[in-house]
Amino acid sequence: MTFDDVIQAVKAKPGQSFTGLGLRADGRYLRVFTVSSYEDDENNDCDPEWVSIQFEGGLLFSSSGEEDFYSLEDVPEVVQSLTYRPSASLPEVAGLCSEYVLHKVFPQLPDPEGIWGEQERRAFVVQVLAVAKESGFVTITGQA
């Protein structure tokens, strides 16, 4: 689904959630965006301010990461270029390091738990890029 499709869906039926993944072209940085809306018990309509965009991301094989929240008014451009799937159809990935997110979404990838050396990490990145391109789900983004 496109970003516009997702916005229409979450406005039409509050309580839904959709996830999009953006992998940097070098395969070393993953962005996870989750678009959701919340039901308002007092009002059956879903106003745009009830649409939330959560971001989690970071370098692969790094223990540090980033997270943020956006509204429709301040959504980064990259969010609009991603392909989305219903979050319920994906494994739970919130709070995981980037390489573990990729392993959860694509279980055919090697378990990152056993990857220690730089050569193994490079091989993992090569596999990630191949699987991501083949999936039609992960959007390969620019270097920035």
C-alpha atoms as a PDB file:
ATOM      1  CA  MET A   1       0.000   0.000   0.000  1.00  0.00           C
ATOM      2  CA  THR A   2       1.114   3.548  -0.605  1.00  0.00           C
ATOM      3  CA  PHE A   3       1.258   6.195   2.109  1.00  0.00           C
ATOM      4  CA  ASP A   4      -1.890   7.855   0.718  1.00  0.00           C
ATOM      5  CA  ASP A   5      -3.720   4.486   0.781  1.00  0.00           C
ATOM      6  CA  VAL A   6      -2.652   3.991   4.391  1.00  0.00           C
ATOM      7  CA  ILE A   7      -3.835   7.451   5.464  1.00  0.00           C
ATOM      8  CA  GLN A   8      -7.225   6.850   3.845  1.00  0.00           C
ATOM      9  CA  ALA A   9      -7.480   3.439   5.543  1.00  0.00           C
ATOM     10  CA  VAL A  10      -6.599   4.639   9.054  1.00  0.00           C
ATOM     11  CA  LYS A  11      -8.958   7.611   8.755  1.00  0.00           C
ATOM     12  CA  ALA A  12     -11.785   5.409   7.483  1.00  0.00           C
ATOM     13  CA  LYS A  13     -11.331   2.794  10.191  1.00  0.00           C
ATOM     14  CA  PRO A  14      -9.573   4.065  13.335  1.00  0.00           C
ATOM     15  CA  GLY A  15      -7.530   1.537  15.261  1.00  0.00           C
ATOM     16  CA  GLN A  16      -5.648   0.195  12.242  1.00  0.00           C
ATOM     17  CA  SER A  17      -1.879   0.237  11.950  1.00  0.00           C
ATOM     18  CA  PHE A  18       0.454  -0.096   8.948  1.00  0.00           C
ATOM     19  CA  THR A  19       4.225  -0.535   8.837  1.00  0.00           C
ATOM     20  CA  GLY A  20       6.745   0.497   6.181  1.00  0.00           C
ATOM     21  CA  LEU A  21      10.461  -0.311   6.076  1.00  0.00           C
ATOM     22  CA  GLY A  22      13.153   1.819   4.451  1.00  0.00           C
ATOM     23  CA  LEU A  23      16.630   0.373   4.014  1.00  0.00           C
ATOM     24  CA  ARG A  24      19.467   2.677   3.051  1.00  0.00           C
ATOM     25  CA  ALA A  25      21.039   1.785  -0.312  1.00  0.00           C
ATOM     26  CA  ASP A  26      24.252   0.599   1.374  1.00  0.00           C
ATOM     27  CA  GLY A  27      22.178  -1.799   3.520  1.00  0.00           C
ATOM     28  CA  ARG A  28      23.529  -0.469   6.799  1.00  0.00           C
ATOM     29  CA  TYR A  29      20.655   1.662   8.137  1.00  0.00           C
ATOM     30  CA  LEU A  30      17.029   0.639   8.615  1.00  0.00           C
ATOM     31  CA  ARG A  31      14.017   2.873   9.196  1.00  0.00           C
ATOM     32  CA  VAL A  32      10.716   1.471  10.471  1.00  0.00           C
ATOM     33  CA  PHE A  33       7.643   3.701  10.259  1.00  0.00           C
ATOM     34  CA  THR A  34       4.311   2.719  11.749  1.00  0.00           C
ATOM     35  CA  VAL A  35       1.232   4.732  10.781  1.00  0.00           C
ATOM     36  CA  SER A  36      -1.787   4.319  13.020  1.00  0.00           C
ATOM     37  CA  SER A  37      -4.941   6.023  14.161  1.00  0.00           C
ATOM     38  CA  TYR A  38      -6.798   5.867  17.404  1.00  0.00           C
ATOM     39  CA  GLU A  39     -10.471   5.515  18.099  1.00  0.00           C
ATOM     40  CA  ASP A  40     -12.068   8.381  19.949  1.00  0.00           C
ATOM     41  CA  ASP A  41     -14.827   7.052  22.199  1.00  0.00           C
ATOM     42  CA  GLU A  42     -16.628  10.404  22.137  1.00  0.00           C
ATOM     43  CA  ASN A  43     -16.401  10.979  18.389  1.00  0.00           C
ATOM     44  CA  ASN A  44     -16.724   8.372  15.647  1.00  0.00           C
ATOM     45  CA  ASP A  45     -14.720  10.459  13.186  1.00  0.00           C
ATOM     46  CA  CYS A  46     -10.957  10.262  13.010  1.00  0.00           C
ATOM     47  CA  ASP A  47      -9.466  13.723  12.693  1.00  0.00           C
ATOM     48  CA  PRO A  48      -6.041  14.075  11.047  1.00  0.00           C
ATOM     49  CA  GLU A  49      -4.435  14.921  14.380  1.00  0.00           C
ATOM     50  CA  TRP A  50      -5.320  11.435  15.586  1.00  0.00           C
ATOM     51  CA  VAL A  51      -3.098   9.889  12.934  1.00  0.00           C
ATOM     52  CA  SER A  52       0.308   9.079  14.404  1.00  0.00           C
ATOM     53  CA  ILE A  53       3.514   8.126  12.640  1.00  0.00           C
ATOM     54  CA  GLN A  54       6.066   6.357  14.832  1.00  0.00           C
ATOM     55  CA  PHE A  55       9.684   6.040  13.730  1.00  0.00           C
ATOM     56  CA  GLU A  56      12.358   3.634  14.941  1.00  0.00           C
ATOM     57  CA  GLY A  57      15.653   3.160  13.175  1.00  0.00           C
ATOM     58  CA  GLY A  58      19.360   2.721  13.374  1.00  0.00           C
ATOM     59  CA  LEU A  59      22.529   1.301  11.969  1.00  0.00           C
ATOM     60  CA  LEU A  60      22.725  -2.461  11.666  1.00  0.00           C
ATOM     61  CA  PHE A  61      24.851  -4.047  14.405  1.00  0.00           C
ATOM     62  CA  SER A  62      24.682  -0.950  16.577  1.00  0.00           C
ATOM     63  CA  SER A  63      23.189  -0.971  20.058  1.00  0.00           C
ATOM     64  CA  SER A  64      22.013   2.617  19.705  1.00  0.00           C
ATOM     65  CA  GLY A  65      19.066   3.738  17.658  1.00  0.00           C
ATOM     66  CA  GLU A  66      16.646   6.552  17.099  1.00  0.00           C
ATOM     67  CA  GLU A  67      12.958   6.993  17.631  1.00  0.00           C
ATOM     68  CA  ASP A  68      10.472   9.773  17.030  1.00  0.00           C
ATOM     69  CA  PHE A  69       6.802  10.519  16.463  1.00  0.00           C
ATOM     70  CA  TYR A  70       5.307  12.628  13.707  1.00  0.00           C
ATOM     71  CA  SER A  71       1.939  14.053  12.844  1.00  0.00           C
ATOM     72  CA  LEU A  72       0.605  14.387   9.314  1.00  0.00           C
ATOM     73  CA  GLU A  73       1.775  18.003   9.291  1.00  0.00           C
ATOM     74  CA  ASP A  74       5.442  17.207   9.960  1.00  0.00           C
ATOM     75  CA  VAL A  75       5.893  13.834   8.267  1.00  0.00           C
ATOM     76  CA  PRO A  76       9.361  13.327   6.706  1.00  0.00           C
ATOM     77  CA  GLU A  77       9.464  12.909   2.931  1.00  0.00           C
ATOM     78  CA  VAL A  78      10.813   9.347   3.151  1.00  0.00           C
ATOM     79  CA  VAL A  79       7.595   8.200   4.857  1.00  0.00           C
ATOM     80  CA  GLN A  80       5.609   9.031   1.750  1.00  0.00           C
ATOM     81  CA  SER A  81       7.846   6.884  -0.489  1.00  0.00           C
ATOM     82  CA  LEU A  82       7.567   3.614   1.454  1.00  0.00           C
ATOM     83  CA  THR A  83       5.429   0.567   0.767  1.00  0.00           C
ATOM     84  CA  TYR A  84       3.219  -0.401   3.711  1.00  0.00           C
ATOM     85  CA  ARG A  85       1.657  -3.574   5.043  1.00  0.00           C
ATOM     86  CA  PRO A  86      -0.862  -4.039   7.849  1.00  0.00           C
ATOM     87  CA  SER A  87       1.150  -4.238  11.066  1.00  0.00           C
ATOM     88  CA  ALA A  88      -0.944  -7.201  12.197  1.00  0.00           C
ATOM     89  CA  SER A  89       0.448  -9.240   9.278  1.00  0.00           C
ATOM     90  CA  LEU A  90       4.036  -8.677  10.440  1.00  0.00           C
ATOM     91  CA  PRO A  91       5.922  -9.970  13.476  1.00  0.00           C
ATOM     92  CA  GLU A  92       6.275  -7.605  16.422  1.00  0.00           C
ATOM     93  CA  VAL A  93       9.454  -5.577  15.848  1.00  0.00           C
ATOM     94  CA  ALA A  94       9.080  -2.577  18.161  1.00  0.00           C
ATOM     95  CA  GLY A  95      12.188  -1.894  20.207  1.00  0.00           C
ATOM     96  CA  LEU A  96      14.453  -4.303  18.328  1.00  0.00           C
ATOM     97  CA  CYS A  97      17.850  -3.445  16.852  1.00  0.00           C
ATOM     98  CA  SER A  98      17.764  -3.068  13.071  1.00  0.00           C
ATOM     99  CA  GLU A  99      19.352  -6.417  12.218  1.00  0.00           C
ATOM    100  CA  TYR A 100      16.844  -8.219  14.469  1.00  0.00           C
ATOM    101  CA  VAL A 101      13.935  -6.391  12.818  1.00  0.00           C
ATOM    102  CA  LEU A 102      15.154  -7.636   9.449  1.00  0.00           C
ATOM    103  CA  HIS A 103      15.615 -11.183  10.776  1.00  0.00           C
ATOM    104  CA  LYS A 104      12.086 -11.180  12.237  1.00  0.00           C
ATOM    105  CA  VAL A 105      10.541  -9.891   9.009  1.00  0.00           C
ATOM    106  CA  PHE A 106      12.713 -12.158   6.852  1.00  0.00           C
ATOM    107  CA  PRO A 107      13.409 -15.313   8.898  1.00  0.00           C
ATOM    108  CA  GLN A 108      15.455 -16.764   6.032  1.00  0.00           C
ATOM    109  CA  LEU A 109      18.237 -14.349   7.006  1.00  0.00           C
ATOM    110  CA  PRO A 110      20.902 -15.666   9.397  1.00  0.00           C
ATOM    111  CA  ASP A 111      20.228 -15.106  13.086  1.00  0.00           C
ATOM    112  CA  PRO A 112      22.160 -11.949  14.035  1.00  0.00           C
ATOM    113  CA  GLU A 113      22.905 -13.467  17.442  1.00  0.00           C
ATOM    114  CA  GLY A 114      25.761 -15.450  15.933  1.00  0.00           C
ATOM    115  CA  ILE A 115      27.205 -12.728  13.726  1.00  0.00           C
ATOM    116  CA  TRP A 116      30.305 -11.182  15.276  1.00  0.00           C
ATOM    117  CA  GLY A 117      33.011 -10.507  12.716  1.00  0.00           C
ATOM    118  CA  GLU A 118      33.097  -7.696  10.176  1.00  0.00           C
ATOM    119  CA  GLN A 119      33.180 -10.166   7.295  1.00  0.00           C
ATOM    120  CA  GLU A 120      30.044 -11.911   8.601  1.00  0.00           C
ATOM    121  CA  ARG A 121      28.327  -8.548   8.990  1.00  0.00           C
ATOM    122  CA  ARG A 122      29.159  -7.585   5.406  1.00  0.00           C
ATOM    123  CA  ALA A 123      27.785 -10.927   4.198  1.00  0.00           C
ATOM    124  CA  PHE A 124      24.604 -10.298   6.214  1.00  0.00           C
ATOM    125  CA  VAL A 125      24.196  -6.865   4.607  1.00  0.00           C
ATOM    126  CA  VAL A 126      24.602  -8.373   1.122  1.00  0.00           C
ATOM    127  CA  GLN A 127      21.880 -10.925   1.946  1.00  0.00           C
ATOM    128  CA  VAL A 128      19.659  -8.220   3.427  1.00  0.00           C
ATOM    129  CA  LEU A 129      19.863  -6.104   0.291  1.00  0.00           C
ATOM    130  CA  ALA A 130      19.041  -9.080  -1.935  1.00  0.00           C
ATOM    131  CA  VAL A 131      16.072 -10.160   0.191  1.00  0.00           C
ATOM    132  CA  ALA A 132      14.839  -6.567   0.576  1.00  0.00           C
ATOM    133  CA  LYS A 133      14.905  -5.918  -3.171  1.00  0.00           C
ATOM    134  CA  GLU A 134      13.167  -9.215  -3.873  1.00  0.00           C
ATOM    135  CA  SER A 135      10.472  -8.679  -1.238  1.00  0.00           C
ATOM    136  CA  GLY A 136       8.672  -5.761  -2.843  1.00  0.00           C
ATOM    137  CA  PHE A 137       8.017  -4.547   0.684  1.00  0.00           C
ATOM    138  CA  VAL A 138      11.234  -2.906   1.837  1.00  0.00           C
ATOM    139  CA  THR A 139      11.939   0.393   0.091  1.00  0.00           C
ATOM    140  CA  ILE A 140      15.583   1.033  -0.732  1.00  0.00           C
ATOM    141  CA  THR A 141      16.298   4.683   0.051  1.00  0.00           C
ATOM    142  CA  GLY A 142      19.147   7.070  -0.699  1.00  0.00           C
ATOM    143  CA  GLN A 143      22.318   7.297   1.366  1.00  0.00           C
ATOM    144  CA  ALA A 144      21.185  10.255   3.491  1.00  0.00           C
END
